[in-house]
Amino acid sequence: MPTHATRSRSVVAESRHEPGPLSSALGSEVLSGRIPSAPTRLLTDKDVADRLSVSPITIRKQRFDRRHGNPHCLTVDPLMIGSAPRYPLDDIEKWLASRRPQGK
């Protein structure tokens, strides 16, 4: 009977030969000369706070308030990468534009 280590190696060896749908799709894009679309820049709490001239604690409090149904003004959902919140730059810029007063 094969040991756990032997079974693991055979599974890894088998999986190397079968590209998944994502890797084959990306591979075909790169091989065809098309560059995949660049992801948007992600901002940390500190980056967002610097753009808004507030402290990072204010950003964290806004996220906490939003998550718990309390009054808040930052209505941009963060992407959670592990336990680290990241805000797409495009979303922050759209939110800022929506908050600007309309000129007469």
Protein backbone atom coordinates (compact mmCIF):
# COMPACT_ATOMS: atom_id res chain seq x y z
CA MET A 1 0.00 0.00 0.00
CA PRO A 2 1.49 3.39 -0.96
CA THR A 3 2.31 5.77 1.83
CA HIS A 4 0.80 9.24 2.12
CA ALA A 5 3.98 10.82 0.73
CA THR A 6 3.91 8.55 -2.32
CA ARG A 7 0.26 9.33 -3.01
CA SER A 8 0.91 13.07 -2.64
CA ARG A 9 3.75 12.97 -5.16
CA SER A 10 1.64 11.10 -7.69
CA VAL A 11 -1.23 13.60 -7.33
CA VAL A 12 1.20 16.52 -7.77
CA ALA A 13 2.76 14.86 -10.81
CA GLU A 14 -0.66 14.28 -12.37
CA SER A 15 -1.82 17.85 -11.71
CA ARG A 16 1.26 19.33 -13.43
CA HIS A 17 0.23 17.82 -16.73
CA GLU A 18 -3.33 19.13 -16.76
CA PRO A 19 -3.59 22.90 -17.11
CA GLY A 20 -6.70 24.37 -15.53
CA PRO A 21 -9.14 26.56 -17.44
CA LEU A 22 -7.70 29.77 -15.99
CA SER A 23 -4.07 28.98 -16.76
CA SER A 24 -4.88 27.81 -20.27
CA ALA A 25 -6.96 30.95 -20.93
CA LEU A 26 -4.21 33.25 -19.69
CA GLY A 27 -1.60 31.24 -21.55
CA SER A 28 -3.47 31.53 -24.83
CA GLU A 29 -3.88 35.31 -24.36
CA VAL A 30 -0.18 35.76 -23.72
CA LEU A 31 0.81 33.43 -26.59
CA SER A 32 -1.50 35.26 -29.00
CA GLY A 33 0.21 38.56 -28.19
CA ARG A 34 -2.69 40.10 -26.25
CA ILE A 35 -1.81 41.49 -22.87
CA PRO A 36 -4.38 40.72 -20.16
CA SER A 37 -6.06 43.85 -18.80
CA ALA A 38 -4.07 45.43 -16.01
CA PRO A 39 -5.71 45.20 -12.61
CA THR A 40 -6.62 48.43 -10.88
CA ARG A 41 -4.31 49.71 -8.19
CA LEU A 42 -5.40 48.73 -4.70
CA LEU A 43 -5.13 51.19 -1.84
CA THR A 44 -4.54 50.47 1.83
CA ASP A 45 -6.35 52.24 4.66
CA LYS A 46 -3.38 54.60 4.91
CA ASP A 47 -3.46 55.37 1.17
CA VAL A 48 -7.17 56.19 1.30
CA ALA A 49 -6.68 58.24 4.47
CA ASP A 50 -3.90 60.25 2.79
CA ARG A 51 -6.16 61.00 -0.21
CA LEU A 52 -8.95 62.17 2.12
CA SER A 53 -6.67 64.00 4.59
CA VAL A 54 -7.93 61.96 7.53
CA SER A 55 -6.29 59.40 9.78
CA PRO A 56 -6.23 55.67 8.90
CA ILE A 57 -8.24 55.07 12.09
CA THR A 58 -11.10 57.09 10.57
CA ILE A 59 -11.12 54.78 7.53
CA ARG A 60 -11.15 51.71 9.78
CA LYS A 61 -13.99 53.16 11.85
CA GLN A 62 -16.01 53.92 8.70
CA ARG A 63 -15.53 50.31 7.52
CA PHE A 64 -16.56 49.00 10.96
CA ASP A 65 -19.64 51.27 11.05
CA ARG A 66 -20.69 50.23 7.55
CA ARG A 67 -20.27 46.55 8.32
CA HIS A 68 -22.39 46.87 11.47
CA GLY A 69 -25.16 49.04 10.01
CA ASN A 70 -24.16 52.23 11.79
CA PRO A 71 -24.19 55.66 10.11
CA HIS A 72 -21.15 56.13 7.86
CA CYS A 73 -20.06 58.15 4.85
CA LEU A 74 -17.44 55.91 3.15
CA THR A 75 -19.58 53.73 0.90
CA VAL A 76 -16.80 51.91 -0.98
CA ASP A 77 -16.58 48.19 -0.30
CA PRO A 78 -13.04 46.98 0.33
CA LEU A 79 -11.63 43.85 -1.24
CA MET A 80 -10.39 41.63 1.55
CA ILE A 81 -7.04 40.04 0.75
CA GLY A 82 -6.72 37.67 3.65
CA SER A 83 -7.52 39.95 6.56
CA ALA A 84 -6.15 43.06 4.83
CA PRO A 85 -8.72 45.46 3.34
CA ARG A 86 -7.80 46.98 -0.01
CA TYR A 87 -9.76 49.63 -1.87
CA PRO A 88 -9.69 49.78 -5.69
CA LEU A 89 -8.37 53.19 -6.75
CA ASP A 90 -11.08 53.51 -9.41
CA ASP A 91 -13.81 53.00 -6.79
CA ILE A 92 -12.30 55.61 -4.47
CA GLU A 93 -12.03 58.14 -7.31
CA LYS A 94 -15.66 57.51 -8.36
CA TRP A 95 -16.81 57.89 -4.75
CA LEU A 96 -14.88 61.16 -4.41
CA ALA A 97 -16.36 62.48 -7.66
CA SER A 98 -19.88 61.65 -6.43
CA ARG A 99 -19.24 63.56 -3.19
CA ARG A 100 -18.11 66.80 -4.89
CA PRO A 101 -20.68 69.58 -4.80
CA GLN A 102 -22.31 70.26 -8.14
CA GLY A 103 -21.27 73.72 -9.42
CA LYS A 104 -23.97 76.20 -10.44
